[in-house]
N, C-alpha and C. Protein backbone atom coordinates (compact mmCIF):
# COMPACT_ATOMS: atom_id res chain seq x y z
N MET A 1 109.11 117.77 121.52
CA MET A 1 109.53 116.64 121.54
C MET A 1 110.88 116.98 120.34
N LYS A 2 111.92 116.75 120.50
CA LYS A 2 113.12 116.17 119.41
C LYS A 2 113.33 114.94 119.04
N CYS A 3 114.15 115.39 117.70
CA CYS A 3 114.50 113.85 117.07
C CYS A 3 115.63 113.06 117.96
N PRO A 4 115.09 111.93 117.90
CA PRO A 4 116.40 111.00 118.81
C PRO A 4 117.31 110.86 118.30
N VAL A 5 117.45 110.96 116.67
CA VAL A 5 118.77 110.86 116.20
C VAL A 5 119.81 112.26 116.01
N CYS A 6 118.91 113.15 115.52
CA CYS A 6 119.27 114.79 115.44
C CYS A 6 119.41 115.47 116.77
N ASN A 7 118.92 114.88 117.36
CA ASN A 7 118.89 115.44 118.93
C ASN A 7 118.64 116.89 119.15
N THR A 8 118.63 117.77 117.72
CA THR A 8 117.96 119.28 118.06
C THR A 8 116.69 119.61 117.32
N ILE A 9 116.69 118.76 116.62
CA ILE A 9 115.34 119.31 115.11
C ILE A 9 114.45 118.59 116.14
N ALA A 10 113.17 119.69 116.13
CA ALA A 10 111.77 118.98 117.11
C ALA A 10 110.83 118.48 115.50
N LEU A 11 110.42 117.55 116.38
CA LEU A 11 109.46 116.36 115.48
C LEU A 11 108.30 117.08 114.74
N ALA A 12 107.80 117.36 113.88
CA ALA A 12 106.59 117.87 113.46
C ALA A 12 105.70 116.93 113.31
N ALA A 13 104.08 117.40 113.47
CA ALA A 13 103.10 116.65 113.70
C ALA A 13 102.62 116.53 112.38
N PHE A 14 102.12 115.45 111.77
CA PHE A 14 101.72 115.31 110.44
C PHE A 14 100.62 114.25 110.61
N GLU A 15 99.84 113.94 109.70
CA GLU A 15 98.84 112.69 109.62
C GLU A 15 99.41 111.51 108.85
N LEU A 16 99.59 110.38 109.73
CA LEU A 16 100.23 109.22 108.98
C LEU A 16 99.15 108.68 107.79
N GLN A 17 97.83 108.75 108.56
CA GLN A 17 96.73 108.52 107.75
C GLN A 17 95.70 108.81 108.47
N PRO A 18 94.30 108.75 107.91
CA PRO A 18 93.17 109.09 109.14
C PRO A 18 93.19 108.49 110.28
N ASN A 19 92.94 109.72 111.20
CA ASN A 19 92.85 109.43 112.50
C ASN A 19 94.39 108.67 113.43
N VAL A 20 95.53 109.11 112.64
CA VAL A 20 96.71 108.59 112.98
C VAL A 20 97.59 109.77 112.99
N VAL A 21 97.77 110.36 113.93
CA VAL A 21 98.69 111.16 113.70
C VAL A 21 100.37 110.85 114.39
N ALA A 22 101.56 111.04 113.79
CA ALA A 22 102.69 111.01 114.03
C ALA A 22 103.59 111.72 113.94
N ARG A 23 104.76 112.17 114.21
CA ARG A 23 105.71 113.07 114.22
C ARG A 23 106.56 112.58 113.37
N LYS A 24 107.17 113.85 112.94
CA LYS A 24 108.32 113.44 111.60
C LYS A 24 109.54 114.37 111.45
N CYS A 25 110.94 113.86 111.50
CA CYS A 25 111.81 114.82 111.73
C CYS A 25 112.00 115.24 109.87
N THR A 26 112.15 116.52 109.90
CA THR A 26 112.32 117.11 108.69
C THR A 26 114.05 116.90 108.13
N SER A 27 115.16 116.59 109.18
CA SER A 27 116.24 116.76 108.66
C SER A 27 116.29 115.05 108.29
N CYS A 28 116.09 114.06 109.32
CA CYS A 28 116.97 112.98 108.66
C CYS A 28 115.69 111.70 108.40
N GLY A 29 114.06 112.04 108.63
CA GLY A 29 113.12 111.68 107.93
C GLY A 29 112.66 110.45 108.89
N GLY A 30 113.00 110.44 109.99
CA GLY A 30 112.58 109.61 110.98
C GLY A 30 111.43 109.84 111.31
N LEU A 31 111.10 108.66 111.94
CA LEU A 31 109.06 109.12 112.17
C LEU A 31 108.69 108.50 113.68
N TRP A 32 108.09 109.22 114.46
CA TRP A 32 107.87 108.85 115.75
C TRP A 32 106.25 108.63 116.09
N LEU A 33 105.86 107.61 116.63
CA LEU A 33 104.57 107.03 116.49
C LEU A 33 104.48 106.94 118.17
N GLY A 34 103.84 107.06 118.54
CA GLY A 34 103.35 107.04 119.98
C GLY A 34 102.41 106.18 120.46
N SER A 35 102.90 105.73 121.71
CA SER A 35 101.50 104.67 121.82
C SER A 35 100.33 104.22 121.82
N ARG A 36 99.75 105.59 121.80
CA ARG A 36 98.29 105.65 121.84
C ARG A 36 97.99 105.72 119.97
N GLU A 37 98.91 106.30 119.49
CA GLU A 37 98.44 106.48 118.00
C GLU A 37 98.78 105.44 117.43
N PHE A 38 100.19 104.78 117.77
CA PHE A 38 100.39 103.28 117.23
C PHE A 38 99.25 102.10 117.43
N SER A 39 98.34 102.34 118.63
CA SER A 39 97.02 101.50 118.80
C SER A 39 96.12 102.22 118.19
N ASN A 40 95.85 103.21 117.69
CA ASN A 40 95.02 103.74 116.77
C ASN A 40 95.31 103.11 115.30
N TRP A 41 96.32 102.98 115.17
CA TRP A 41 96.98 102.57 113.82
C TRP A 41 96.51 100.78 113.60
N ILE A 42 97.18 100.08 114.81
CA ILE A 42 96.57 98.66 115.30
C ILE A 42 94.98 98.70 114.89
N GLU A 43 94.49 99.24 115.85
CA GLU A 43 92.83 99.24 115.18
C GLU A 43 92.51 99.23 114.34
N ALA A 44 92.69 100.29 113.12
CA ALA A 44 92.61 100.72 111.96
C ALA A 44 92.70 99.27 111.18
N ILE A 45 93.96 98.81 111.56
CA ILE A 45 94.08 97.46 110.68
C ILE A 45 93.26 96.44 111.19
N GLN A 46 92.85 96.58 112.31
CA GLN A 46 92.34 95.10 112.55
C GLN A 46 90.68 95.44 112.13
N THR A 47 90.38 96.66 111.84
CA THR A 47 89.06 96.87 111.83
C THR A 47 88.79 96.96 110.44
N GLY A 48 89.97 96.85 109.57
CA GLY A 48 90.00 96.76 107.98
C GLY A 48 89.93 98.56 107.59
N LYS A 49 90.11 99.05 108.65
CA LYS A 49 90.31 100.82 108.15
C LYS A 49 91.55 101.63 107.65
N ALA A 50 92.62 100.43 107.84
CA ALA A 50 93.58 100.96 107.29
C ALA A 50 93.86 100.80 105.67
N ALA A 51 94.36 101.59 104.78
CA ALA A 51 94.87 101.86 103.58
C ALA A 51 95.97 101.01 103.38
N GLU A 52 95.71 99.90 102.75
CA GLU A 52 96.82 98.90 102.54
C GLU A 52 97.82 99.61 101.25
N SER A 53 98.76 99.51 101.12
CA SER A 53 99.80 100.15 99.98
C SER A 53 99.69 99.75 98.87
N THR A 54 99.66 100.79 97.94
CA THR A 54 99.03 100.30 96.78
C THR A 54 100.40 100.44 96.02
N ASP A 55 101.61 100.74 96.51
CA ASP A 55 102.83 100.51 95.78
C ASP A 55 103.65 99.40 96.17
N PRO A 56 103.79 98.26 95.48
CA PRO A 56 104.75 97.12 96.03
C PRO A 56 106.12 97.57 95.27
N SER A 57 106.48 99.08 95.33
CA SER A 57 107.73 98.88 94.77
C SER A 57 109.31 98.46 95.53
N THR A 58 110.28 98.51 95.20
CA THR A 58 111.42 98.22 95.62
C THR A 58 111.22 99.00 96.67
N PRO A 59 111.94 98.01 97.78
CA PRO A 59 111.85 99.29 98.94
C PRO A 59 112.85 100.16 99.14
N VAL A 60 113.01 101.53 99.75
CA VAL A 60 114.04 102.23 99.52
C VAL A 60 115.16 101.71 100.60
N PRO A 61 116.10 102.59 100.26
CA PRO A 61 117.48 102.29 101.71
C PRO A 61 116.92 103.11 103.02
N THR A 62 117.34 102.45 103.77
CA THR A 62 116.77 102.76 104.90
C THR A 62 118.14 103.55 105.89
N THR A 63 117.97 104.33 106.70
CA THR A 63 118.97 104.90 107.63
C THR A 63 118.91 104.49 108.90
N GLU A 64 119.97 103.87 109.31
CA GLU A 64 119.45 103.45 110.62
C GLU A 64 121.21 103.70 111.83
N PRO A 65 121.32 105.02 112.24
CA PRO A 65 122.16 105.27 113.19
C PRO A 65 122.26 103.74 113.81
N LYS A 66 123.39 103.60 114.35
CA LYS A 66 124.05 102.48 115.17
C LYS A 66 123.90 103.49 116.85
N ALA A 67 124.02 104.35 117.04
CA ALA A 67 123.74 104.82 118.33
C ALA A 67 122.24 104.65 118.95
N ALA A 68 122.49 104.23 120.12
CA ALA A 68 121.32 103.99 121.27
C ALA A 68 120.43 105.26 121.21
N LYS A 69 119.07 105.01 120.76
CA LYS A 69 118.28 106.30 121.36
C LYS A 69 117.69 106.66 122.17
N ILE A 70 117.13 107.54 122.70
CA ILE A 70 116.67 108.17 123.96
C ILE A 70 115.15 108.37 123.11
N CYS A 71 114.11 108.01 123.95
CA CYS A 71 112.69 108.14 123.58
C CYS A 71 112.06 109.65 123.78
N PRO A 72 111.80 110.20 122.73
CA PRO A 72 111.28 111.18 122.43
C PRO A 72 110.26 111.84 123.37
N GLY A 73 109.55 110.81 123.44
CA GLY A 73 108.10 110.57 124.43
C GLY A 73 108.51 111.02 126.14
N CYS A 74 109.43 110.32 125.94
CA CYS A 74 109.37 109.97 128.08
C CYS A 74 111.13 110.11 128.46
N GLY A 75 112.09 110.11 127.55
CA GLY A 75 113.34 109.92 127.77
C GLY A 75 114.01 109.18 128.40
N HIS A 76 113.05 107.63 128.11
CA HIS A 76 114.28 106.68 128.30
C HIS A 76 114.83 105.92 127.42
N LEU A 77 115.66 104.98 127.46
CA LEU A 77 116.16 104.06 126.34
C LEU A 77 115.63 103.12 125.56
N MET A 78 115.70 103.42 124.61
CA MET A 78 114.51 102.75 123.49
C MET A 78 115.58 101.21 123.36
N ALA A 79 114.61 100.24 122.92
CA ALA A 79 115.15 98.96 122.87
C ALA A 79 115.01 98.48 120.85
N ARG A 80 115.86 98.03 120.44
CA ARG A 80 115.42 97.64 119.09
C ARG A 80 115.61 96.05 118.81
N TYR A 81 114.70 96.12 117.97
CA TYR A 81 113.85 94.70 117.72
C TYR A 81 114.11 94.64 116.11
N LYS A 82 115.04 93.57 115.63
CA LYS A 82 115.06 92.91 114.29
C LYS A 82 113.28 92.60 114.00
N VAL A 83 113.98 93.49 112.15
CA VAL A 83 112.49 93.29 111.46
C VAL A 83 112.39 91.95 110.91
N GLY A 84 113.48 91.35 110.38
CA GLY A 84 113.71 90.27 109.41
C GLY A 84 113.09 89.84 108.09
N HIS A 85 112.98 88.75 107.70
CA HIS A 85 112.25 88.78 106.51
C HIS A 85 112.61 89.35 105.41
N THR A 86 114.03 89.26 105.08
CA THR A 86 115.18 89.68 104.51
C THR A 86 115.09 91.02 104.92
N LEU A 87 114.52 92.21 105.48
CA LEU A 87 115.01 93.31 105.90
C LEU A 87 115.84 93.33 107.00
N THR A 88 117.33 93.95 107.11
CA THR A 88 118.26 93.77 107.45
C THR A 88 118.00 94.95 108.83
N PHE A 89 117.25 95.97 108.98
CA PHE A 89 117.07 97.13 110.07
C PHE A 89 116.21 96.78 111.39
N THR A 90 116.41 97.57 112.54
CA THR A 90 115.81 97.23 113.40
C THR A 90 114.87 98.27 113.32
N LEU A 91 113.32 98.16 114.57
CA LEU A 91 112.75 99.23 115.01
C LEU A 91 113.10 99.44 116.70
N ASP A 92 112.70 100.34 116.65
CA ASP A 92 113.65 101.20 118.11
C ASP A 92 111.92 101.35 118.68
N ARG A 93 111.77 100.62 120.05
CA ARG A 93 110.45 100.86 120.63
C ARG A 93 111.22 101.31 122.07
N CYS A 94 110.52 102.10 122.65
CA CYS A 94 110.36 102.36 124.18
C CYS A 94 109.66 101.59 125.03
N GLY A 95 110.24 101.05 126.02
CA GLY A 95 109.59 100.30 126.82
C GLY A 95 108.61 100.58 128.10
N ASN A 96 109.02 102.40 128.28
CA ASN A 96 108.39 102.66 129.32
C ASN A 96 106.94 103.08 128.57
N CYS A 97 107.20 104.19 127.60
CA CYS A 97 105.83 104.70 127.25
C CYS A 97 105.20 104.16 125.60
N GLY A 98 105.86 102.72 125.28
CA GLY A 98 105.28 102.41 123.90
C GLY A 98 105.45 102.50 122.65
N GLY A 99 106.18 104.12 122.58
CA GLY A 99 106.22 104.64 121.61
C GLY A 99 107.12 103.98 120.35
N THR A 100 107.24 104.34 119.38
CA THR A 100 108.05 103.27 118.56
C THR A 100 108.54 104.69 117.42
N TRP A 101 110.06 104.32 117.42
CA TRP A 101 110.79 105.36 116.38
C TRP A 101 111.15 104.59 115.15
N PHE A 102 110.88 104.90 113.80
CA PHE A 102 111.22 104.32 113.08
C PHE A 102 112.12 105.30 112.11
N ASP A 103 113.46 104.99 112.04
CA ASP A 103 114.38 105.82 111.21
C ASP A 103 113.92 106.18 109.81
N GLY A 104 114.80 106.88 109.18
CA GLY A 104 114.50 107.43 107.57
C GLY A 104 114.04 105.94 106.87
N ASN A 105 112.89 106.27 105.98
CA ASN A 105 112.68 105.39 105.19
C ASN A 105 111.88 104.02 105.77
N GLU A 106 112.14 103.45 106.89
CA GLU A 106 111.59 102.26 107.73
C GLU A 106 110.28 102.17 107.63
N TRP A 107 109.24 102.97 107.86
CA TRP A 107 107.98 103.11 107.83
C TRP A 107 107.44 103.13 106.19
N GLU A 108 108.51 103.79 105.39
CA GLU A 108 107.80 103.28 104.05
C GLU A 108 108.31 102.21 103.28
N THR A 109 109.43 101.53 104.04
CA THR A 109 109.68 100.18 103.56
C THR A 109 108.82 99.38 103.99
N LEU A 110 108.27 99.50 105.22
CA LEU A 110 106.95 98.52 105.92
C LEU A 110 106.06 98.51 104.96
N ARG A 111 105.43 99.69 104.91
CA ARG A 111 104.36 100.14 104.20
C ARG A 111 104.14 99.56 102.85
N GLY A 112 105.42 100.09 102.37
CA GLY A 112 105.26 98.99 100.83
C GLY A 112 105.52 97.46 100.65
N GLY A 113 105.82 96.87 101.86
CA GLY A 113 106.19 95.45 101.73
C GLY A 113 104.66 94.32 101.96
N GLU A 114 105.30 93.64 102.77
CA GLU A 114 104.14 92.21 102.86
C GLU A 114 104.11 92.68 104.53
N LEU A 115 104.86 93.42 104.91
CA LEU A 115 104.90 93.47 106.76
C LEU A 115 104.09 94.58 107.13
N TRP A 116 103.29 95.36 106.22
CA TRP A 116 102.50 96.78 107.01
C TRP A 116 101.76 96.61 108.03
N ASP A 117 100.77 95.10 107.81
CA ASP A 117 99.71 94.94 108.84
C ASP A 117 100.53 94.49 109.74
N GLN A 118 101.87 93.59 109.79
CA GLN A 118 102.43 92.84 111.11
C GLN A 118 103.23 93.56 112.00
N ILE A 119 103.47 95.09 111.74
CA ILE A 119 104.77 95.59 112.17
C ILE A 119 104.30 95.72 114.11
N HIS A 120 103.45 95.51 114.57
CA HIS A 120 103.13 95.27 116.08
C HIS A 120 103.52 94.11 116.33
N LEU A 121 103.47 92.88 115.94
CA LEU A 121 103.79 91.61 115.82
C LEU A 121 105.83 91.54 116.29
N ILE A 122 106.23 92.50 115.49
CA ILE A 122 107.69 92.38 115.37
C ILE A 122 108.42 92.68 116.76
N PHE A 123 107.62 93.31 118.03
CA PHE A 123 107.69 94.00 119.33
C PHE A 123 107.67 92.52 120.35
N SER A 124 107.00 91.32 119.50
CA SER A 124 106.46 90.30 120.27
C SER A 124 107.85 89.51 120.67
N PRO A 125 107.82 88.48 121.70
CA PRO A 125 108.78 87.55 121.76
C PRO A 125 108.65 86.15 121.07
N ALA A 126 107.58 86.24 120.70
CA ALA A 126 107.68 84.86 119.31
C ALA A 126 108.50 85.50 118.24
N TRP A 127 108.02 86.31 117.84
CA TRP A 127 108.75 87.36 116.31
C TRP A 127 110.08 87.22 116.87
N GLN A 128 110.53 87.78 117.86
CA GLN A 128 112.03 87.78 117.51
C GLN A 128 112.75 86.61 118.16
N ASN A 129 112.12 85.59 118.85
CA ASN A 129 112.74 84.24 118.82
C ASN A 129 113.00 83.83 117.52
N ARG A 130 111.79 83.77 116.71
CA ARG A 130 111.88 83.31 115.13
C ARG A 130 112.93 83.71 114.48
N ILE A 131 113.21 85.41 114.22
CA ILE A 131 114.20 86.11 113.80
C ILE A 131 115.66 85.27 114.29
N ARG A 132 115.63 85.18 115.81
CA ARG A 132 116.92 84.69 116.18
C ARG A 132 117.08 83.08 115.48
N ARG A 133 116.15 82.38 115.36
CA ARG A 133 116.06 80.94 114.88
C ARG A 133 116.89 81.02 113.51
N GLU A 134 116.20 82.01 112.85
CA GLU A 134 116.33 82.33 111.51
C GLU A 134 117.76 82.71 111.43
N ASP A 135 118.60 83.86 112.14
CA ASP A 135 119.99 83.85 111.76
C ASP A 135 120.76 82.89 112.40
N GLN A 136 120.57 81.99 113.44
CA GLN A 136 121.14 80.87 113.70
C GLN A 136 121.40 79.87 112.90
N VAL A 137 120.10 79.50 111.82
CA VAL A 137 120.43 78.77 110.85
C VAL A 137 121.31 78.88 109.62
N GLU A 138 120.87 80.44 109.45
CA GLU A 138 121.87 80.93 108.42
C GLU A 138 123.45 81.22 108.87
N HIS A 139 123.72 81.14 110.16
CA HIS A 139 125.13 81.33 110.59
C HIS A 139 125.93 79.71 110.43
N LEU A 140 124.69 78.66 110.80
CA LEU A 140 125.21 77.53 110.34
C LEU A 140 125.47 77.17 108.92
N ARG A 141 124.96 77.38 108.47
CA ARG A 141 124.70 77.19 106.79
C ARG A 141 126.30 78.13 106.53
N GLU A 142 126.53 78.99 106.64
CA GLU A 142 127.68 79.65 106.11
C GLU A 142 129.04 79.08 106.99
N GLN A 143 128.96 78.57 108.13
CA GLN A 143 129.75 77.67 108.60
C GLN A 143 130.00 76.72 107.71
N PHE A 144 129.08 76.00 107.79
CA PHE A 144 129.12 74.77 106.45
C PHE A 144 129.35 74.54 105.65
N ALA A 145 128.67 75.72 104.53
CA ALA A 145 129.60 76.17 103.33
C ALA A 145 130.81 76.65 103.57
N ALA A 146 131.51 77.12 104.41
CA ALA A 146 133.24 77.46 104.30
C ALA A 146 134.26 76.18 104.88
N LYS A 147 133.07 75.40 105.72
CA LYS A 147 133.84 74.11 105.85
C LYS A 147 133.99 73.42 104.82
N LEU A 148 133.34 73.07 104.13
CA LEU A 148 133.08 72.15 102.80
C LEU A 148 133.63 72.73 101.97
N GLY A 149 133.26 74.19 101.28
CA GLY A 149 133.96 74.59 99.99
C GLY A 149 132.73 74.68 98.99
N PRO A 150 132.82 75.53 98.40
CA PRO A 150 131.28 75.82 97.07
C PRO A 150 130.47 74.27 96.64
N VAL A 151 131.53 73.91 96.22
CA VAL A 151 131.23 72.39 95.18
C VAL A 151 130.68 71.66 96.24
N ASP A 152 131.07 70.73 97.43
CA ASP A 152 130.72 70.14 98.32
C ASP A 152 129.40 70.69 98.93
N PHE A 153 129.34 72.08 99.47
CA PHE A 153 128.44 72.56 100.20
C PHE A 153 126.97 72.58 98.74
N ALA A 154 127.26 72.85 97.71
CA ALA A 154 126.35 73.06 96.63
C ALA A 154 125.75 71.18 96.47
N GLU A 155 126.77 70.23 96.44
CA GLU A 155 126.51 68.72 96.56
C GLU A 155 125.65 68.23 97.77
N SER A 156 126.28 68.76 98.76
CA SER A 156 125.13 68.34 100.31
C SER A 156 124.07 69.09 99.66
N ASN A 157 123.68 70.01 99.89
CA ASN A 157 122.32 70.96 99.64
C ASN A 157 121.57 69.93 98.45
N ARG A 158 121.96 69.64 97.28
CA ARG A 158 121.27 68.45 96.31
C ARG A 158 121.05 67.31 96.96
N ILE A 159 121.90 66.83 97.54
CA ILE A 159 121.15 65.49 98.34
C ILE A 159 120.44 65.72 99.45
N LYS A 160 120.63 66.73 100.35
CA LYS A 160 119.47 66.97 101.37
C LYS A 160 118.25 67.21 100.72
N LYS A 161 118.36 68.12 99.55
CA LYS A 161 116.54 68.14 98.94
C LYS A 161 116.10 67.02 98.33
N TRP A 162 116.84 65.97 97.72
CA TRP A 162 116.30 64.71 97.41
C TRP A 162 116.07 64.03 98.29
N LEU A 163 116.98 64.24 99.38
CA LEU A 163 116.26 63.22 100.82
C LEU A 163 115.25 63.77 101.56
N ASP A 164 114.98 65.09 101.52
CA ASP A 164 113.96 65.78 102.11
C ASP A 164 112.60 65.20 101.57
N ASN A 165 112.42 64.99 100.20
CA ASN A 165 111.30 64.57 99.19
C ASN A 165 111.24 62.90 99.58
N HIS A 166 111.97 62.35 99.72
CA HIS A 166 112.25 60.86 99.31
C HIS A 166 111.41 59.98 100.37
N PRO A 167 110.74 59.17 99.65
CA PRO A 167 109.50 58.42 100.89
C PRO A 167 110.34 57.11 101.74
N HIS A 168 111.26 57.14 101.35
CA HIS A 168 112.21 56.45 102.37
C HIS A 168 113.43 56.93 103.26
N ARG A 169 113.34 57.85 103.37
CA ARG A 169 114.00 59.49 104.09
C ARG A 169 114.76 58.56 105.29
N GLU A 170 113.74 58.26 106.18
CA GLU A 170 114.00 57.67 107.81
C GLU A 170 115.03 56.34 107.78
N ALA A 171 114.87 55.57 106.36
CA ALA A 171 115.49 54.68 106.50
C ALA A 171 116.91 54.75 105.89
N ILE A 172 117.29 55.66 104.95
CA ILE A 172 118.18 56.13 103.88
C ILE A 172 119.09 56.80 105.25
N LEU A 173 118.72 57.51 106.03
CA LEU A 173 119.42 58.06 107.20
C LEU A 173 120.02 57.12 108.05
N ALA A 174 118.80 56.45 108.31
CA ALA A 174 119.50 55.43 109.59
C ALA A 174 120.45 54.36 108.90
N TYR A 175 120.48 53.97 107.57
CA TYR A 175 121.73 53.36 107.03
C TYR A 175 123.21 54.06 106.67
N LEU A 176 123.07 55.62 106.67
CA LEU A 176 124.52 56.17 106.11
C LEU A 176 124.77 56.54 107.69
N ILE A 177 124.05 56.74 108.85
CA ILE A 177 124.74 56.65 110.17
C ILE A 177 125.17 55.24 109.99
N SER A 178 124.55 54.25 110.35
CA SER A 178 125.29 52.78 110.45
C SER A 178 126.34 52.59 109.72
N GLU A 179 126.72 52.99 108.32
CA GLU A 179 127.49 52.92 107.99
C GLU A 179 128.77 54.15 108.18
N LYS A 180 128.63 54.89 108.85
CA LYS A 180 129.64 56.06 108.95
C LYS A 180 131.09 55.40 109.75
N ASP A 181 130.77 54.45 110.94
CA ASP A 181 132.02 53.96 111.58
C ASP A 181 132.39 52.64 110.91
N ARG A 182 132.03 52.07 109.90
CA ARG A 182 132.47 50.86 108.94
C ARG A 182 133.26 51.19 108.47
């Protein structure tokens, strides 16, 4: 089994945690977790046998090649899934055999953060839809900021925050809408 990033380096087996064997590239630091091993790891989480990370340190930089990856387990093309939640990298998963590839430091970053026990959810349609909505909202905010400029955008956010918690929010909005054409 060869690394899908380096293409020539054989992946070396190692124990990711008790009863969960993964394969790691000694060159790029990537990690392959086959579907059975991934299931074993998820089962360990659900039964409380997976050890939580004790190191809440700052995530280390990840190394994510841009080229598409070929599954080291079955040779099919892997799909990318955005992680989100302030993490900008993607995880690669094979739709054929269900194996998952973690580029260098991605596993460590997820294990060191709050997502360590939710990795399996990243591949769900619900997770990916939420990430897309968050990206759309952020893109819209950036467009408004560019259109309004920093001073007016900051004032708009101040007004929004005040309005969000105001007991007469709906009445104020209705008034503003009715006054816009006058």
